Amino acid sequence: MTISKRIGTSWTNSSASIGSIKLLGSCFGLGYIKKAPGTLGSLPGIALFLATRNFGAWPQIGLFFTFSLIAIGISERIERIDRSIDPEEVVIDEAVGMWATLLFIWNASFGTILAGFILFRLLDILKPFPINLFQTFRGGTGIVADDLAAGMVANLILRVLLLNGII
């Protein structure tokens, strides 16, 4: 067992806990699907948005912030377990990014969600400036930060499209 004296948490190194961490990091196995794991990993972000969109702003902020921190921790742990940088099966970061794309879009229609999904995936894949700057971060923060940035940029673009009646 590894214990962090700084914050008093512990991670067990048993195969069961490693399996659970990998299950969460892969969004219940979506990250292990060979074709487009990142695209599939974005789908739980839509589910999280749909499950929380009727909450008030503060509960949404709290849940989103908590989930983002959990995603960073899980990503960091899997990176250490696999001894690799940004393992491909870790797609919990895509879920966070997709949720950020739709966050506070109160009356999102199917078309709005689809447009947000396409925008997020394009930004996540292409990583234009300034999103590419976040790839320089290390560990779990680096894994999640570029997807979070892509989600925030996609959210802003989506809002501009909605305000102009394009969607």
C-alpha atoms as a PDB file:
ATOM      1  CA  MET A   1       0.000   0.000   0.000  1.00  0.00           C
ATOM      2  CA  THR A   2       1.218   3.473  -0.850  1.00  0.00           C
ATOM      3  CA  ILE A   3       0.296   6.185   1.639  1.00  0.00           C
ATOM      4  CA  SER A   4       0.544   9.899   1.015  1.00  0.00           C
ATOM      5  CA  LYS A   5       1.433  11.590   4.285  1.00  0.00           C
ATOM      6  CA  ARG A   6       0.747  14.985   2.735  1.00  0.00           C
ATOM      7  CA  ILE A   7      -2.994  14.481   2.219  1.00  0.00           C
ATOM      8  CA  GLY A   8      -3.618  11.256   4.124  1.00  0.00           C
ATOM      9  CA  THR A   9      -4.899   9.180   1.239  1.00  0.00           C
ATOM     10  CA  SER A  10      -3.850   5.704   0.274  1.00  0.00           C
ATOM     11  CA  TRP A  11      -3.727   3.684  -2.904  1.00  0.00           C
ATOM     12  CA  THR A  12      -3.599  -0.062  -2.578  1.00  0.00           C
ATOM     13  CA  ASN A  13      -1.398  -1.850  -5.071  1.00  0.00           C
ATOM     14  CA  SER A  14      -3.542  -4.986  -5.188  1.00  0.00           C
ATOM     15  CA  SER A  15      -4.644  -6.287  -8.553  1.00  0.00           C
ATOM     16  CA  ALA A  16      -8.278  -5.589  -7.615  1.00  0.00           C
ATOM     17  CA  SER A  17      -7.627  -1.905  -6.929  1.00  0.00           C
ATOM     18  CA  ILE A  18      -5.459  -1.583 -10.051  1.00  0.00           C
ATOM     19  CA  GLY A  19      -8.270  -3.172 -12.066  1.00  0.00           C
ATOM     20  CA  SER A  20     -10.801  -0.753 -10.574  1.00  0.00           C
ATOM     21  CA  ILE A  21      -8.612   2.247 -11.306  1.00  0.00           C
ATOM     22  CA  LYS A  22      -8.074   1.098 -14.893  1.00  0.00           C
ATOM     23  CA  LEU A  23     -11.809   0.438 -15.287  1.00  0.00           C
ATOM     24  CA  LEU A  24     -12.592   4.011 -14.208  1.00  0.00           C
ATOM     25  CA  GLY A  25      -9.762   5.540 -16.265  1.00  0.00           C
ATOM     26  CA  SER A  26     -10.931   3.705 -19.378  1.00  0.00           C
ATOM     27  CA  CYS A  27     -14.545   4.817 -18.775  1.00  0.00           C
ATOM     28  CA  PHE A  28     -15.662   1.266 -18.057  1.00  0.00           C
ATOM     29  CA  GLY A  29     -13.646  -0.286 -20.872  1.00  0.00           C
ATOM     30  CA  LEU A  30     -14.313   2.214 -23.678  1.00  0.00           C
ATOM     31  CA  GLY A  31     -10.617   3.091 -23.782  1.00  0.00           C
ATOM     32  CA  TYR A  32      -9.736  -0.493 -24.679  1.00  0.00           C
ATOM     33  CA  ILE A  33     -11.821  -0.472 -27.865  1.00  0.00           C
ATOM     34  CA  LYS A  34      -9.335  -0.280 -30.737  1.00  0.00           C
ATOM     35  CA  LYS A  35     -11.360   1.953 -33.068  1.00  0.00           C
ATOM     36  CA  ALA A  36     -11.617   5.589 -31.875  1.00  0.00           C
ATOM     37  CA  PRO A  37     -11.249   5.112 -28.096  1.00  0.00           C
ATOM     38  CA  GLY A  38     -11.071   8.886 -27.534  1.00  0.00           C
ATOM     39  CA  THR A  39     -14.289   9.469 -29.436  1.00  0.00           C
ATOM     40  CA  LEU A  40     -16.037   6.723 -27.484  1.00  0.00           C
ATOM     41  CA  GLY A  41     -14.536   8.056 -24.254  1.00  0.00           C
ATOM     42  CA  SER A  42     -16.242  11.390 -24.912  1.00  0.00           C
ATOM     43  CA  LEU A  43     -19.696   9.812 -24.687  1.00  0.00           C
ATOM     44  CA  PRO A  44     -19.700   9.496 -20.865  1.00  0.00           C
ATOM     45  CA  GLY A  45     -19.111  13.269 -20.786  1.00  0.00           C
ATOM     46  CA  ILE A  46     -22.430  13.723 -22.572  1.00  0.00           C
ATOM     47  CA  ALA A  47     -24.087  11.381 -20.063  1.00  0.00           C
ATOM     48  CA  LEU A  48     -22.599  13.368 -17.149  1.00  0.00           C
ATOM     49  CA  PHE A  49     -23.877  16.597 -18.693  1.00  0.00           C
ATOM     50  CA  LEU A  50     -27.376  15.158 -19.205  1.00  0.00           C
ATOM     51  CA  ALA A  51     -27.440  13.800 -15.642  1.00  0.00           C
ATOM     52  CA  THR A  52     -26.478  17.158 -14.104  1.00  0.00           C
ATOM     53  CA  ARG A  53     -27.889  19.812 -16.440  1.00  0.00           C
ATOM     54  CA  ASN A  54     -30.995  20.419 -14.334  1.00  0.00           C
ATOM     55  CA  PHE A  55     -28.919  21.090 -11.222  1.00  0.00           C
ATOM     56  CA  GLY A  56     -28.159  24.647 -10.204  1.00  0.00           C
ATOM     57  CA  ALA A  57     -24.903  26.312 -11.188  1.00  0.00           C
ATOM     58  CA  TRP A  58     -23.093  25.679  -7.880  1.00  0.00           C
ATOM     59  CA  PRO A  59     -23.847  21.944  -7.696  1.00  0.00           C
ATOM     60  CA  GLN A  60     -22.712  21.612 -11.322  1.00  0.00           C
ATOM     61  CA  ILE A  61     -19.489  23.475 -10.562  1.00  0.00           C
ATOM     62  CA  GLY A  62     -18.865  21.291  -7.515  1.00  0.00           C
ATOM     63  CA  LEU A  63     -19.510  18.042  -9.356  1.00  0.00           C
ATOM     64  CA  PHE A  64     -17.487  19.086 -12.390  1.00  0.00           C
ATOM     65  CA  PHE A  65     -14.541  20.233 -10.258  1.00  0.00           C
ATOM     66  CA  THR A  66     -14.641  17.031  -8.180  1.00  0.00           C
ATOM     67  CA  PHE A  67     -14.835  14.819 -11.272  1.00  0.00           C
ATOM     68  CA  SER A  68     -11.944  16.725 -12.861  1.00  0.00           C
ATOM     69  CA  LEU A  69      -9.764  16.180  -9.778  1.00  0.00           C
ATOM     70  CA  ILE A  70     -10.696  12.491  -9.697  1.00  0.00           C
ATOM     71  CA  ALA A  71      -9.835  12.210 -13.414  1.00  0.00           C
ATOM     72  CA  ILE A  72      -6.430  13.792 -12.772  1.00  0.00           C
ATOM     73  CA  GLY A  73      -5.753  11.382  -9.896  1.00  0.00           C
ATOM     74  CA  ILE A  74      -6.855   8.310 -11.825  1.00  0.00           C
ATOM     75  CA  SER A  75      -4.878   9.346 -14.915  1.00  0.00           C
ATOM     76  CA  GLU A  76      -1.774   9.945 -12.793  1.00  0.00           C
ATOM     77  CA  ARG A  77      -2.140   6.556 -11.129  1.00  0.00           C
ATOM     78  CA  ILE A  78      -2.578   4.664 -14.403  1.00  0.00           C
ATOM     79  CA  GLU A  79       0.433   6.447 -15.870  1.00  0.00           C
ATOM     80  CA  ARG A  80       2.508   5.202 -12.924  1.00  0.00           C
ATOM     81  CA  ILE A  81       1.089   1.677 -13.096  1.00  0.00           C
ATOM     82  CA  ASP A  82       1.730   1.370 -16.847  1.00  0.00           C
ATOM     83  CA  ARG A  83       4.997   3.334 -16.675  1.00  0.00           C
ATOM     84  CA  SER A  84       3.977   5.190 -19.818  1.00  0.00           C
ATOM     85  CA  ILE A  85       3.103   8.769 -20.671  1.00  0.00           C
ATOM     86  CA  ASP A  86      -0.599   9.410 -21.411  1.00  0.00           C
ATOM     87  CA  PRO A  87      -1.664   5.761 -21.892  1.00  0.00           C
ATOM     88  CA  GLU A  88      -4.051   5.359 -24.821  1.00  0.00           C
ATOM     89  CA  GLU A  89      -6.657   3.469 -22.792  1.00  0.00           C
ATOM     90  CA  VAL A  90      -7.110   6.415 -20.416  1.00  0.00           C
ATOM     91  CA  VAL A  91     -10.153   8.236 -21.799  1.00  0.00           C
ATOM     92  CA  ILE A  92     -11.579   9.720 -18.614  1.00  0.00           C
ATOM     93  CA  ASP A  93      -9.926  12.949 -19.783  1.00  0.00           C
ATOM     94  CA  GLU A  94     -12.143  12.927 -22.880  1.00  0.00           C
ATOM     95  CA  ALA A  95     -15.205  12.586 -20.637  1.00  0.00           C
ATOM     96  CA  VAL A  96     -14.069  15.656 -18.648  1.00  0.00           C
ATOM     97  CA  GLY A  97     -13.427  17.622 -21.845  1.00  0.00           C
ATOM     98  CA  MET A  98     -16.784  16.733 -23.342  1.00  0.00           C
ATOM     99  CA  TRP A  99     -18.563  17.681 -20.118  1.00  0.00           C
ATOM    100  CA  ALA A 100     -16.699  21.030 -20.182  1.00  0.00           C
ATOM    101  CA  THR A 101     -17.924  21.547 -23.756  1.00  0.00           C
ATOM    102  CA  LEU A 102     -21.555  21.346 -22.688  1.00  0.00           C
ATOM    103  CA  LEU A 103     -21.295  22.807 -19.179  1.00  0.00           C
ATOM    104  CA  PHE A 104     -23.924  25.530 -18.536  1.00  0.00           C
ATOM    105  CA  ILE A 105     -25.544  25.137 -21.956  1.00  0.00           C
ATOM    106  CA  TRP A 106     -28.907  25.047 -20.200  1.00  0.00           C
ATOM    107  CA  ASN A 107     -31.320  24.234 -23.049  1.00  0.00           C
ATOM    108  CA  ALA A 108     -29.114  21.994 -25.157  1.00  0.00           C
ATOM    109  CA  SER A 109     -30.974  20.272 -27.952  1.00  0.00           C
ATOM    110  CA  PHE A 110     -29.769  17.121 -29.696  1.00  0.00           C
ATOM    111  CA  GLY A 111     -28.280  19.330 -32.439  1.00  0.00           C
ATOM    112  CA  THR A 112     -26.425  21.449 -29.882  1.00  0.00           C
ATOM    113  CA  ILE A 113     -25.001  18.354 -28.185  1.00  0.00           C
ATOM    114  CA  LEU A 114     -23.964  16.910 -31.563  1.00  0.00           C
ATOM    115  CA  ALA A 115     -22.325  20.191 -32.604  1.00  0.00           C
ATOM    116  CA  GLY A 116     -20.520  20.334 -29.242  1.00  0.00           C
ATOM    117  CA  PHE A 117     -19.344  16.748 -29.676  1.00  0.00           C
ATOM    118  CA  ILE A 118     -17.959  17.449 -33.159  1.00  0.00           C
ATOM    119  CA  LEU A 119     -16.302  20.690 -32.032  1.00  0.00           C
ATOM    120  CA  PHE A 120     -14.702  19.022 -29.025  1.00  0.00           C
ATOM    121  CA  ARG A 121     -13.387  16.058 -31.005  1.00  0.00           C
ATOM    122  CA  LEU A 122     -11.917  18.335 -33.703  1.00  0.00           C
ATOM    123  CA  LEU A 123     -10.196  20.551 -31.132  1.00  0.00           C
ATOM    124  CA  ASP A 124      -8.994  17.554 -29.142  1.00  0.00           C
ATOM    125  CA  ILE A 125      -7.532  15.849 -32.208  1.00  0.00           C
ATOM    126  CA  LEU A 126      -6.039  18.933 -33.910  1.00  0.00           C
ATOM    127  CA  LYS A 127      -4.913  20.669 -30.689  1.00  0.00           C
ATOM    128  CA  PRO A 128      -4.561  24.187 -32.120  1.00  0.00           C
ATOM    129  CA  PHE A 129      -2.917  26.980 -30.145  1.00  0.00           C
ATOM    130  CA  PRO A 130      -3.411  27.539 -27.176  1.00  0.00           C
ATOM    131  CA  ILE A 131      -4.687  24.002 -26.483  1.00  0.00           C
ATOM    132  CA  ASN A 132      -1.346  22.488 -27.524  1.00  0.00           C
ATOM    133  CA  LEU A 133       0.407  24.373 -24.705  1.00  0.00           C
ATOM    134  CA  PHE A 134      -1.326  22.193 -22.123  1.00  0.00           C
ATOM    135  CA  GLN A 135       0.356  19.055 -23.464  1.00  0.00           C
ATOM    136  CA  THR A 136       3.586  20.201 -21.848  1.00  0.00           C
ATOM    137  CA  PHE A 137       2.165  19.532 -18.368  1.00  0.00           C
ATOM    138  CA  ARG A 138       3.272  16.250 -16.775  1.00  0.00           C
ATOM    139  CA  GLY A 139       1.364  13.452 -15.085  1.00  0.00           C
ATOM    140  CA  GLY A 140      -2.379  13.349 -14.600  1.00  0.00           C
ATOM    141  CA  THR A 141      -2.625  17.112 -14.915  1.00  0.00           C
ATOM    142  CA  GLY A 142      -1.092  16.935 -18.387  1.00  0.00           C
ATOM    143  CA  ILE A 143      -3.388  14.122 -19.439  1.00  0.00           C
ATOM    144  CA  VAL A 144      -6.513  16.040 -18.433  1.00  0.00           C
ATOM    145  CA  ALA A 145      -5.463  19.672 -19.056  1.00  0.00           C
ATOM    146  CA  ASP A 146      -5.427  19.633 -22.868  1.00  0.00           C
ATOM    147  CA  ASP A 147      -8.863  17.991 -23.006  1.00  0.00           C
ATOM    148  CA  LEU A 148     -10.194  20.464 -20.464  1.00  0.00           C
ATOM    149  CA  ALA A 149      -8.806  23.328 -22.565  1.00  0.00           C
ATOM    150  CA  ALA A 150     -10.320  21.846 -25.742  1.00  0.00           C
ATOM    151  CA  GLY A 151     -13.653  21.559 -23.923  1.00  0.00           C
ATOM    152  CA  MET A 152     -13.552  25.171 -22.752  1.00  0.00           C
ATOM    153  CA  VAL A 153     -12.705  26.464 -26.235  1.00  0.00           C
ATOM    154  CA  ALA A 154     -15.443  24.271 -27.749  1.00  0.00           C
ATOM    155  CA  ASN A 155     -17.885  25.644 -25.139  1.00  0.00           C
ATOM    156  CA  LEU A 156     -17.067  29.226 -26.156  1.00  0.00           C
ATOM    157  CA  ILE A 157     -17.425  28.447 -29.873  1.00  0.00           C
ATOM    158  CA  LEU A 158     -20.692  26.632 -29.201  1.00  0.00           C
ATOM    159  CA  ARG A 159     -22.025  29.685 -27.329  1.00  0.00           C
ATOM    160  CA  VAL A 160     -21.108  31.985 -30.235  1.00  0.00           C
ATOM    161  CA  LEU A 161     -22.888  29.643 -32.664  1.00  0.00           C
ATOM    162  CA  LEU A 162     -25.969  29.536 -30.417  1.00  0.00           C
ATOM    163  CA  LEU A 163     -26.042  33.324 -29.922  1.00  0.00           C
ATOM    164  CA  ASN A 164     -25.882  33.855 -33.680  1.00  0.00           C
ATOM    165  CA  GLY A 165     -28.653  31.334 -34.348  1.00  0.00           C
ATOM    166  CA  ILE A 166     -26.386  29.034 -36.329  1.00  0.00           C
ATOM    167  CA  ILE A 167     -27.390  26.036 -34.243  1.00  0.00           C
END
